[in-house]
Amino acid sequence: MRCTKNLQRIRNTSIVGVDVGSYVKRSEKMVEDARREIIEKATRLIPEFIDIARGLGLDIDDVNGLTGLIGLLVYIKSTSYRKSTMYLGLYKAKGRDGRKMKKYNNKAQRYLIMLTNTILWKNGEYRLPRYKDLRKVLKTVIESRKRMRFAERGAGV
């Protein structure tokens, strides 16, 4: 996660006009290598991981999408769709104090956005994901977890 934030900082300084060409390439390579290492460990630890990824339409080369899927599998403990939407903040905050009361896990939501972006781009939709896209991908992941019986084995943290 720290590598990703450093990469974002370097890209932002390049927008301002500072010459950071070699640092960007080096940081991108570090992030890519870290994500590939995470994917390799996940395929060794979770044998059904590749089946879930293929069910979502991901290839082994889709590093960002697979990293997002791994993050979701680790963070989401429940196989309940309703509890997962509450955990990820994919609901409309109602009432006067709704915005103050809305709490969700930013890291898990970031992994869901990574996965949804990859799926949208593979389908030829080059836009930011909407809540309905996020909920659709989340529902697919939860259904595949139920099929693979991840919750019974305790694959979540």
C-alpha atoms as a PDB file:
ATOM      1  CA  MET A   1       0.000   0.000   0.000  1.00  0.00           C
ATOM      2  CA  ARG A   2       2.872   2.328   0.826  1.00  0.00           C
ATOM      3  CA  CYS A   3       4.405   1.799  -2.615  1.00  0.00           C
ATOM      4  CA  THR A   4       1.145   2.828  -4.253  1.00  0.00           C
ATOM      5  CA  LYS A   5       0.966   6.059  -2.256  1.00  0.00           C
ATOM      6  CA  ASN A   6       4.576   6.887  -3.107  1.00  0.00           C
ATOM      7  CA  LEU A   7       3.805   6.278  -6.782  1.00  0.00           C
ATOM      8  CA  GLN A   8       0.836   8.645  -6.575  1.00  0.00           C
ATOM      9  CA  ARG A   9       3.001  11.336  -4.946  1.00  0.00           C
ATOM     10  CA  ILE A  10       5.667  10.997  -7.644  1.00  0.00           C
ATOM     11  CA  ARG A  11       3.043  11.248 -10.397  1.00  0.00           C
ATOM     12  CA  ASN A  12       1.560  14.348  -8.765  1.00  0.00           C
ATOM     13  CA  THR A  13       4.970  16.048  -8.659  1.00  0.00           C
ATOM     14  CA  SER A  14       5.457  15.263 -12.336  1.00  0.00           C
ATOM     15  CA  ILE A  15       2.153  17.016 -13.077  1.00  0.00           C
ATOM     16  CA  VAL A  16       3.482  20.146 -11.367  1.00  0.00           C
ATOM     17  CA  GLY A  17       6.505  20.113 -13.637  1.00  0.00           C
ATOM     18  CA  VAL A  18       9.280  18.382 -11.702  1.00  0.00           C
ATOM     19  CA  ASP A  19      11.381  15.934 -13.759  1.00  0.00           C
ATOM     20  CA  VAL A  20      10.839  12.522 -12.109  1.00  0.00           C
ATOM     21  CA  GLY A  21      10.816  10.188 -15.131  1.00  0.00           C
ATOM     22  CA  SER A  22      13.090   7.428 -13.816  1.00  0.00           C
ATOM     23  CA  TYR A  23      11.483   7.441 -10.364  1.00  0.00           C
ATOM     24  CA  VAL A  24       8.045   6.844 -11.870  1.00  0.00           C
ATOM     25  CA  LYS A  25       9.225   3.811 -13.833  1.00  0.00           C
ATOM     26  CA  ARG A  26      11.045   2.383 -10.811  1.00  0.00           C
ATOM     27  CA  SER A  27       8.015   2.898  -8.538  1.00  0.00           C
ATOM     28  CA  GLU A  28       5.632   1.367 -11.090  1.00  0.00           C
ATOM     29  CA  LYS A  29       7.876  -1.695 -11.302  1.00  0.00           C
ATOM     30  CA  MET A  30       7.964  -2.019  -7.488  1.00  0.00           C
ATOM     31  CA  VAL A  31       4.159  -1.835  -7.264  1.00  0.00           C
ATOM     32  CA  GLU A  32       3.750  -4.352 -10.089  1.00  0.00           C
ATOM     33  CA  ASP A  33       6.215  -6.780  -8.481  1.00  0.00           C
ATOM     34  CA  ALA A  34       4.525  -6.495  -5.084  1.00  0.00           C
ATOM     35  CA  ARG A  35       1.102  -7.185  -6.597  1.00  0.00           C
ATOM     36  CA  ARG A  36       2.404 -10.186  -8.551  1.00  0.00           C
ATOM     37  CA  GLU A  37       3.918 -11.602  -5.363  1.00  0.00           C
ATOM     38  CA  ILE A  38       0.564 -11.215  -3.580  1.00  0.00           C
ATOM     39  CA  ILE A  39      -1.195 -13.043  -6.429  1.00  0.00           C
ATOM     40  CA  GLU A  40       1.315 -15.915  -6.337  1.00  0.00           C
ATOM     41  CA  LYS A  41       0.827 -16.358  -2.588  1.00  0.00           C
ATOM     42  CA  ALA A  42      -2.954 -16.279  -2.967  1.00  0.00           C
ATOM     43  CA  THR A  43      -2.939 -18.972  -5.659  1.00  0.00           C
ATOM     44  CA  ARG A  44      -0.880 -21.192  -3.375  1.00  0.00           C
ATOM     45  CA  LEU A  45      -3.043 -20.591  -0.295  1.00  0.00           C
ATOM     46  CA  ILE A  46      -6.491 -20.562  -1.928  1.00  0.00           C
ATOM     47  CA  PRO A  47      -6.828 -23.235  -4.628  1.00  0.00           C
ATOM     48  CA  GLU A  48     -10.278 -21.978  -5.714  1.00  0.00           C
ATOM     49  CA  PHE A  49      -8.970 -18.437  -6.275  1.00  0.00           C
ATOM     50  CA  ILE A  50      -8.299 -18.924  -9.997  1.00  0.00           C
ATOM     51  CA  ASP A  51     -11.784 -20.408 -10.491  1.00  0.00           C
ATOM     52  CA  ILE A  52     -13.378 -17.327  -8.927  1.00  0.00           C
ATOM     53  CA  ALA A  53     -11.211 -15.046 -11.068  1.00  0.00           C
ATOM     54  CA  ARG A  54     -12.205 -16.887 -14.242  1.00  0.00           C
ATOM     55  CA  GLY A  55     -15.853 -16.661 -13.181  1.00  0.00           C
ATOM     56  CA  LEU A  56     -15.460 -12.875 -13.056  1.00  0.00           C
ATOM     57  CA  GLY A  57     -13.807 -12.860 -16.486  1.00  0.00           C
ATOM     58  CA  LEU A  58     -10.270 -12.103 -15.298  1.00  0.00           C
ATOM     59  CA  ASP A  59      -7.066 -13.514 -16.760  1.00  0.00           C
ATOM     60  CA  ILE A  60      -3.882 -14.255 -14.871  1.00  0.00           C
ATOM     61  CA  ASP A  61      -2.350 -11.151 -16.488  1.00  0.00           C
ATOM     62  CA  ASP A  62      -4.932  -8.788 -14.923  1.00  0.00           C
ATOM     63  CA  VAL A  63      -2.773  -7.874 -11.946  1.00  0.00           C
ATOM     64  CA  ASN A  64      -4.923  -5.014 -10.615  1.00  0.00           C
ATOM     65  CA  GLY A  65      -8.147  -7.004 -10.829  1.00  0.00           C
ATOM     66  CA  LEU A  66      -6.659 -10.056  -9.143  1.00  0.00           C
ATOM     67  CA  THR A  67      -5.153  -7.904  -6.389  1.00  0.00           C
ATOM     68  CA  GLY A  68      -8.574  -6.329  -5.817  1.00  0.00           C
ATOM     69  CA  LEU A  69     -10.178  -9.765  -5.655  1.00  0.00           C
ATOM     70  CA  ILE A  70      -7.634 -10.973  -3.104  1.00  0.00           C
ATOM     71  CA  GLY A  71      -8.216  -7.885  -0.982  1.00  0.00           C
ATOM     72  CA  LEU A  72     -11.963  -8.439  -1.030  1.00  0.00           C
ATOM     73  CA  LEU A  73     -11.615 -12.104  -0.090  1.00  0.00           C
ATOM     74  CA  VAL A  74      -9.420 -11.152   2.850  1.00  0.00           C
ATOM     75  CA  TYR A  75     -11.469  -8.223   4.155  1.00  0.00           C
ATOM     76  CA  ILE A  76     -15.020  -9.482   3.670  1.00  0.00           C
ATOM     77  CA  LYS A  77     -15.786 -12.026   6.357  1.00  0.00           C
ATOM     78  CA  SER A  78     -19.492 -12.497   5.806  1.00  0.00           C
ATOM     79  CA  THR A  79     -21.226 -14.212   2.913  1.00  0.00           C
ATOM     80  CA  SER A  80     -24.245 -11.988   3.486  1.00  0.00           C
ATOM     81  CA  TYR A  81     -24.745  -9.433   0.730  1.00  0.00           C
ATOM     82  CA  ARG A  82     -26.456  -6.983   3.089  1.00  0.00           C
ATOM     83  CA  LYS A  83     -23.660  -7.070   5.680  1.00  0.00           C
ATOM     84  CA  SER A  84     -21.036  -6.687   2.968  1.00  0.00           C
ATOM     85  CA  THR A  85     -22.714  -3.619   1.478  1.00  0.00           C
ATOM     86  CA  MET A  86     -22.815  -2.058   4.951  1.00  0.00           C
ATOM     87  CA  TYR A  87     -19.142  -2.937   5.535  1.00  0.00           C
ATOM     88  CA  LEU A  88     -18.098  -1.391   2.216  1.00  0.00           C
ATOM     89  CA  GLY A  89     -20.335   1.673   2.499  1.00  0.00           C
ATOM     90  CA  LEU A  90     -22.389   0.908  -0.625  1.00  0.00           C
ATOM     91  CA  TYR A  91     -25.635   2.243   0.791  1.00  0.00           C
ATOM     92  CA  LYS A  92     -27.358   5.606   0.794  1.00  0.00           C
ATOM     93  CA  ALA A  93     -26.992   7.449   4.094  1.00  0.00           C
ATOM     94  CA  LYS A  94     -30.452   8.568   5.185  1.00  0.00           C
ATOM     95  CA  GLY A  95     -31.591  11.024   7.773  1.00  0.00           C
ATOM     96  CA  ARG A  96     -30.196  14.247   9.088  1.00  0.00           C
ATOM     97  CA  ASP A  97     -27.186  12.666  10.738  1.00  0.00           C
ATOM     98  CA  GLY A  98     -26.729  10.024   8.065  1.00  0.00           C
ATOM     99  CA  ARG A  99     -23.427  11.305   6.738  1.00  0.00           C
ATOM    100  CA  LYS A 100     -21.937  11.397  10.231  1.00  0.00           C
ATOM    101  CA  MET A 101     -23.082   7.872  10.984  1.00  0.00           C
ATOM    102  CA  LYS A 102     -21.934   6.269   7.728  1.00  0.00           C
ATOM    103  CA  LYS A 103     -18.814   4.236   8.490  1.00  0.00           C
ATOM    104  CA  TYR A 104     -17.107   1.821   6.159  1.00  0.00           C
ATOM    105  CA  ASN A 105     -13.750   0.235   5.486  1.00  0.00           C
ATOM    106  CA  ASN A 106     -11.754   2.362   3.045  1.00  0.00           C
ATOM    107  CA  LYS A 107      -9.167  -0.322   2.268  1.00  0.00           C
ATOM    108  CA  ALA A 108     -11.770  -2.911   1.387  1.00  0.00           C
ATOM    109  CA  GLN A 109     -13.650  -0.406  -0.749  1.00  0.00           C
ATOM    110  CA  ARG A 110     -10.407   0.465  -2.568  1.00  0.00           C
ATOM    111  CA  TYR A 111      -9.915  -3.223  -3.446  1.00  0.00           C
ATOM    112  CA  LEU A 112     -13.497  -3.435  -4.701  1.00  0.00           C
ATOM    113  CA  ILE A 113     -12.947  -0.371  -6.897  1.00  0.00           C
ATOM    114  CA  MET A 114      -9.747  -1.901  -8.332  1.00  0.00           C
ATOM    115  CA  LEU A 115     -11.611  -5.083  -9.212  1.00  0.00           C
ATOM    116  CA  THR A 116     -14.609  -3.236 -10.667  1.00  0.00           C
ATOM    117  CA  ASN A 117     -12.408  -0.945 -12.772  1.00  0.00           C
ATOM    118  CA  THR A 118     -10.632  -3.939 -14.289  1.00  0.00           C
ATOM    119  CA  ILE A 119     -13.908  -5.700 -15.089  1.00  0.00           C
ATOM    120  CA  LEU A 120     -15.394  -2.549 -16.653  1.00  0.00           C
ATOM    121  CA  TRP A 121     -12.293  -1.960 -18.776  1.00  0.00           C
ATOM    122  CA  LYS A 122     -12.338  -5.565 -19.987  1.00  0.00           C
ATOM    123  CA  ASN A 123     -15.959  -5.021 -21.067  1.00  0.00           C
ATOM    124  CA  GLY A 124     -14.963  -1.901 -23.008  1.00  0.00           C
ATOM    125  CA  GLU A 125     -16.540   0.611 -20.590  1.00  0.00           C
ATOM    126  CA  TYR A 126     -13.979   3.343 -19.912  1.00  0.00           C
ATOM    127  CA  ARG A 127     -15.622   5.247 -17.078  1.00  0.00           C
ATOM    128  CA  LEU A 128     -15.569   5.455 -13.320  1.00  0.00           C
ATOM    129  CA  PRO A 129     -17.522   2.700 -11.575  1.00  0.00           C
ATOM    130  CA  ARG A 130     -20.920   3.634 -10.193  1.00  0.00           C
ATOM    131  CA  TYR A 131     -22.431   2.223  -7.029  1.00  0.00           C
ATOM    132  CA  LYS A 132     -24.576  -0.156  -9.066  1.00  0.00           C
ATOM    133  CA  ASP A 133     -21.421  -1.522 -10.757  1.00  0.00           C
ATOM    134  CA  LEU A 134     -19.729  -1.968  -7.375  1.00  0.00           C
ATOM    135  CA  ARG A 135     -22.789  -3.741  -5.954  1.00  0.00           C
ATOM    136  CA  LYS A 136     -23.040  -6.012  -9.000  1.00  0.00           C
ATOM    137  CA  VAL A 137     -19.392  -7.118  -8.714  1.00  0.00           C
ATOM    138  CA  LEU A 138     -19.739  -7.531  -4.950  1.00  0.00           C
ATOM    139  CA  LYS A 139     -22.805  -9.725  -5.415  1.00  0.00           C
ATOM    140  CA  THR A 140     -20.909 -11.897  -7.926  1.00  0.00           C
ATOM    141  CA  VAL A 141     -17.954 -12.297  -5.545  1.00  0.00           C
ATOM    142  CA  ILE A 142     -20.219 -13.187  -2.623  1.00  0.00           C
ATOM    143  CA  GLU A 143     -22.146 -15.746  -4.673  1.00  0.00           C
ATOM    144  CA  SER A 144     -18.906 -17.361  -5.824  1.00  0.00           C
ATOM    145  CA  ARG A 145     -17.676 -17.430  -2.190  1.00  0.00           C
ATOM    146  CA  LYS A 146     -20.858 -19.204  -1.189  1.00  0.00           C
ATOM    147  CA  ARG A 147     -20.335 -21.727  -3.981  1.00  0.00           C
ATOM    148  CA  MET A 148     -16.723 -22.330  -3.002  1.00  0.00           C
ATOM    149  CA  ARG A 149     -17.611 -22.451   0.717  1.00  0.00           C
ATOM    150  CA  PHE A 150     -15.013 -19.909   1.759  1.00  0.00           C
ATOM    151  CA  ALA A 151     -16.974 -18.800   4.811  1.00  0.00           C
ATOM    152  CA  GLU A 152     -17.062 -22.288   6.301  1.00  0.00           C
ATOM    153  CA  ARG A 153     -13.318 -22.709   5.976  1.00  0.00           C
ATOM    154  CA  GLY A 154     -12.597 -19.252   7.406  1.00  0.00           C
ATOM    155  CA  ALA A 155     -10.637 -17.742   4.529  1.00  0.00           C
ATOM    156  CA  GLY A 156     -11.411 -14.218   5.729  1.00  0.00           C
ATOM    157  CA  VAL A 157      -9.370 -12.503   8.403  1.00  0.00           C
END
